[in-house]
Amino acid sequence: MKIQKLVGLLIVIFIIFGSVSIVGFQLFNNIHSILFVLGGATG
């Protein structure tokens, strides 16, 4: 279970980094969605 959760978090982090690097200028708009996704993944 713990390994699967860590892998899931890593995937989410890679997706976030990818979207941030692509969007770039909308970083401040992405912060809300990033916090929401991380909250859902950890909660």
PDB file of N, CA and C in Angstrom:
ATOM      1  N   MET A   1       0.847  -1.206   0.000  1.00  0.00           N
ATOM      2  CA  MET A   1       0.000   0.000   0.000  1.00  0.00           C
ATOM      3  C   MET A   1       0.883   1.258   0.000  1.00  0.00           C
ATOM      4  N   LYS A   2       1.892   1.276   0.869  1.00  0.00           N
ATOM      5  CA  LYS A   2       2.728   2.476   0.945  1.00  0.00           C
ATOM      6  C   LYS A   2       3.468   2.704  -0.364  1.00  0.00           C
ATOM      7  N   ILE A   3       3.972   1.617  -0.976  1.00  0.00           N
ATOM      8  CA  ILE A   3       4.715   1.765  -2.233  1.00  0.00           C
ATOM      9  C   ILE A   3       3.789   2.314  -3.323  1.00  0.00           C
ATOM     10  N   GLN A   4       2.570   1.801  -3.391  1.00  0.00           N
ATOM     11  CA  GLN A   4       1.627   2.282  -4.407  1.00  0.00           C
ATOM     12  C   GLN A   4       1.310   3.750  -4.182  1.00  0.00           C
ATOM     13  N   LYS A   5       1.180   4.166  -2.910  1.00  0.00           N
ATOM     14  CA  LYS A   5       0.872   5.569  -2.618  1.00  0.00           C
ATOM     15  C   LYS A   5       2.039   6.464  -3.036  1.00  0.00           C
ATOM     16  N   LEU A   6       3.276   6.010  -2.765  1.00  0.00           N
ATOM     17  CA  LEU A   6       4.446   6.801  -3.159  1.00  0.00           C
ATOM     18  C   LEU A   6       4.529   6.913  -4.670  1.00  0.00           C
ATOM     19  N   VAL A   7       4.277   5.816  -5.376  1.00  0.00           N
ATOM     20  CA  VAL A   7       4.310   5.849  -6.840  1.00  0.00           C
ATOM     21  C   VAL A   7       3.245   6.805  -7.361  1.00  0.00           C
ATOM     22  N   GLY A   8       2.065   6.767  -6.763  1.00  0.00           N
ATOM     23  CA  GLY A   8       0.989   7.669  -7.180  1.00  0.00           C
ATOM     24  C   GLY A   8       1.374   9.122  -6.972  1.00  0.00           C
ATOM     25  N   LEU A   9       2.001   9.412  -5.824  1.00  0.00           N
ATOM     26  CA  LEU A   9       2.426  10.783  -5.552  1.00  0.00           C
ATOM     27  C   LEU A   9       3.488  11.230  -6.554  1.00  0.00           C
ATOM     28  N   LEU A  10       4.423  10.324  -6.885  1.00  0.00           N
ATOM     29  CA  LEU A  10       5.462  10.674  -7.860  1.00  0.00           C
ATOM     30  C   LEU A  10       4.844  10.979  -9.217  1.00  0.00           C
ATOM     31  N   ILE A  11       3.863  10.171  -9.616  1.00  0.00           N
ATOM     32  CA  ILE A  11       3.198  10.411 -10.902  1.00  0.00           C
ATOM     33  C   ILE A  11       2.511  11.764 -10.894  1.00  0.00           C
ATOM     34  N   VAL A  12       1.819  12.075  -9.790  1.00  0.00           N
ATOM     35  CA  VAL A  12       1.134  13.371  -9.688  1.00  0.00           C
ATOM     36  C   VAL A  12       2.145  14.506  -9.773  1.00  0.00           C
ATOM     37  N   ILE A  13       3.281  14.348  -9.080  1.00  0.00           N
ATOM     38  CA  ILE A  13       4.305  15.401  -9.083  1.00  0.00           C
ATOM     39  C   ILE A  13       4.862  15.604 -10.497  1.00  0.00           C
ATOM     40  N   PHE A  14       5.118  14.489 -11.211  1.00  0.00           N
ATOM     41  CA  PHE A  14       5.631  14.617 -12.579  1.00  0.00           C
ATOM     42  C   PHE A  14       4.614  15.307 -13.473  1.00  0.00           C
ATOM     43  N   ILE A  15       3.323  14.972 -13.300  1.00  0.00           N
ATOM     44  CA  ILE A  15       2.270  15.602 -14.107  1.00  0.00           C
ATOM     45  C   ILE A  15       2.220  17.102 -13.809  1.00  0.00           C
ATOM     46  N   ILE A  16       2.336  17.439 -12.516  1.00  0.00           N
ATOM     47  CA  ILE A  16       2.295  18.857 -12.130  1.00  0.00           C
ATOM     48  C   ILE A  16       3.485  19.600 -12.745  1.00  0.00           C
ATOM     49  N   PHE A  17       4.683  19.021 -12.634  1.00  0.00           N
ATOM     50  CA  PHE A  17       5.869  19.676 -13.199  1.00  0.00           C
ATOM     51  C   PHE A  17       5.716  19.847 -14.705  1.00  0.00           C
ATOM     52  N   GLY A  18       5.174  18.830 -15.367  1.00  0.00           N
ATOM     53  CA  GLY A  18       4.981  18.912 -16.806  1.00  0.00           C
ATOM     54  C   GLY A  18       4.014  20.020 -17.174  1.00  0.00           C
ATOM     55  N   SER A  19       2.890  20.090 -16.456  1.00  0.00           N
ATOM     56  CA  SER A  19       1.893  21.112 -16.775  1.00  0.00           C
ATOM     57  C   SER A  19       2.425  22.506 -16.465  1.00  0.00           C
ATOM     58  N   VAL A  20       3.178  22.626 -15.376  1.00  0.00           N
ATOM     59  CA  VAL A  20       3.734  23.933 -15.016  1.00  0.00           C
ATOM     60  C   VAL A  20       4.751  24.391 -16.053  1.00  0.00           C
ATOM     61  N   SER A  21       5.603  23.473 -16.502  1.00  0.00           N
ATOM     62  CA  SER A  21       6.624  23.847 -17.481  1.00  0.00           C
ATOM     63  C   SER A  21       5.993  24.206 -18.821  1.00  0.00           C
ATOM     64  N   ILE A  22       4.848  23.569 -19.141  1.00  0.00           N
ATOM     65  CA  ILE A  22       4.170  23.876 -20.403  1.00  0.00           C
ATOM     66  C   ILE A  22       3.405  25.194 -20.282  1.00  0.00           C
ATOM     67  N   VAL A  23       2.638  25.339 -19.214  1.00  0.00           N
ATOM     68  CA  VAL A  23       1.801  26.538 -19.065  1.00  0.00           C
ATOM     69  C   VAL A  23       2.656  27.745 -18.681  1.00  0.00           C
ATOM     70  N   GLY A  24       3.503  27.572 -17.671  1.00  0.00           N
ATOM     71  CA  GLY A  24       4.462  28.605 -17.302  1.00  0.00           C
ATOM     72  C   GLY A  24       3.808  29.874 -16.776  1.00  0.00           C
ATOM     73  N   PHE A  25       3.252  30.674 -17.687  1.00  0.00           N
ATOM     74  CA  PHE A  25       2.742  31.986 -17.296  1.00  0.00           C
ATOM     75  C   PHE A  25       1.516  31.884 -16.395  1.00  0.00           C
ATOM     76  N   GLN A  26       0.827  30.750 -16.431  1.00  0.00           N
ATOM     77  CA  GLN A  26      -0.364  30.580 -15.588  1.00  0.00           C
ATOM     78  C   GLN A  26      -0.014  29.829 -14.306  1.00  0.00           C
ATOM     79  N   LEU A  27       1.226  29.980 -13.845  1.00  0.00           N
ATOM     80  CA  LEU A  27       1.680  29.258 -12.656  1.00  0.00           C
ATOM     81  C   LEU A  27       0.807  29.574 -11.447  1.00  0.00           C
ATOM     82  N   PHE A  28       0.459  30.849 -11.271  1.00  0.00           N
ATOM     83  CA  PHE A  28      -0.333  31.222 -10.100  1.00  0.00           C
ATOM     84  C   PHE A  28      -1.717  30.593 -10.142  1.00  0.00           C
ATOM     85  N   ASN A  29      -2.268  30.423 -11.347  1.00  0.00           N
ATOM     86  CA  ASN A  29      -3.551  29.752 -11.473  1.00  0.00           C
ATOM     87  C   ASN A  29      -3.412  28.269 -11.175  1.00  0.00           C
ATOM     88  N   ASN A  30      -2.244  27.700 -11.467  1.00  0.00           N
ATOM     89  CA  ASN A  30      -2.031  26.271 -11.250  1.00  0.00           C
ATOM     90  C   ASN A  30      -1.833  25.941  -9.774  1.00  0.00           C
ATOM     91  N   ILE A  31      -1.402  26.926  -8.979  1.00  0.00           N
ATOM     92  CA  ILE A  31      -1.133  26.661  -7.565  1.00  0.00           C
ATOM     93  C   ILE A  31      -2.390  26.126  -6.883  1.00  0.00           C
ATOM     94  N   HIS A  32      -3.543  26.714  -7.186  1.00  0.00           N
ATOM     95  CA  HIS A  32      -4.784  26.242  -6.573  1.00  0.00           C
ATOM     96  C   HIS A  32      -5.062  24.798  -6.947  1.00  0.00           C
ATOM     97  N   SER A  33      -4.924  24.459  -8.216  1.00  0.00           N
ATOM     98  CA  SER A  33      -5.192  23.089  -8.657  1.00  0.00           C
ATOM     99  C   SER A  33      -4.138  22.135  -8.098  1.00  0.00           C
ATOM    100  N   ILE A  34      -2.895  22.607  -7.971  1.00  0.00           N
ATOM    101  CA  ILE A  34      -1.842  21.756  -7.418  1.00  0.00           C
ATOM    102  C   ILE A  34      -2.184  21.419  -5.969  1.00  0.00           C
ATOM    103  N   LEU A  35      -2.548  22.431  -5.172  1.00  0.00           N
ATOM    104  CA  LEU A  35      -2.898  22.186  -3.786  1.00  0.00           C
ATOM    105  C   LEU A  35      -4.095  21.258  -3.696  1.00  0.00           C
ATOM    106  N   PHE A  36      -5.056  21.437  -4.581  1.00  0.00           N
ATOM    107  CA  PHE A  36      -6.261  20.589  -4.583  1.00  0.00           C
ATOM    108  C   PHE A  36      -5.895  19.148  -4.888  1.00  0.00           C
ATOM    109  N   VAL A  37      -5.043  18.943  -5.900  1.00  0.00           N
ATOM    110  CA  VAL A  37      -4.649  17.576  -6.287  1.00  0.00           C
ATOM    111  C   VAL A  37      -3.834  16.929  -5.173  1.00  0.00           C
ATOM    112  N   LEU A  38      -2.873  17.674  -4.613  1.00  0.00           N
ATOM    113  CA  LEU A  38      -2.050  17.113  -3.534  1.00  0.00           C
ATOM    114  C   LEU A  38      -2.916  16.803  -2.315  1.00  0.00           C
ATOM    115  N   GLY A  39      -3.868  17.665  -2.013  1.00  0.00           N
ATOM    116  CA  GLY A  39      -4.772  17.411  -0.887  1.00  0.00           C
ATOM    117  C   GLY A  39      -5.571  16.146  -1.109  1.00  0.00           C
ATOM    118  N   GLY A  40      -6.026  15.942  -2.342  1.00  0.00           N
ATOM    119  CA  GLY A  40      -6.800  14.742  -2.647  1.00  0.00           C
ATOM    120  C   GLY A  40      -5.932  13.503  -2.632  1.00  0.00           C
ATOM    121  N   ALA A  41      -4.669  13.642  -3.073  1.00  0.00           N
ATOM    122  CA  ALA A  41      -3.791  12.475  -3.134  1.00  0.00           C
ATOM    123  C   ALA A  41      -3.338  12.068  -1.730  1.00  0.00           C
ATOM    124  N   THR A  42      -3.065  13.046  -0.878  1.00  0.00           N
ATOM    125  CA  THR A  42      -2.570  12.721   0.468  1.00  0.00           C
ATOM    126  C   THR A  42      -3.715  12.454   1.426  1.00  0.00           C
ATOM    127  N   GLY A  43      -4.879  13.053   1.174  1.00  0.00           N
ATOM    128  CA  GLY A  43      -6.022  12.893   2.058  1.00  0.00           C
ATOM    129  C   GLY A  43      -6.806  11.676   1.709  1.00  0.00           C
TER     130      GLY A  43
END
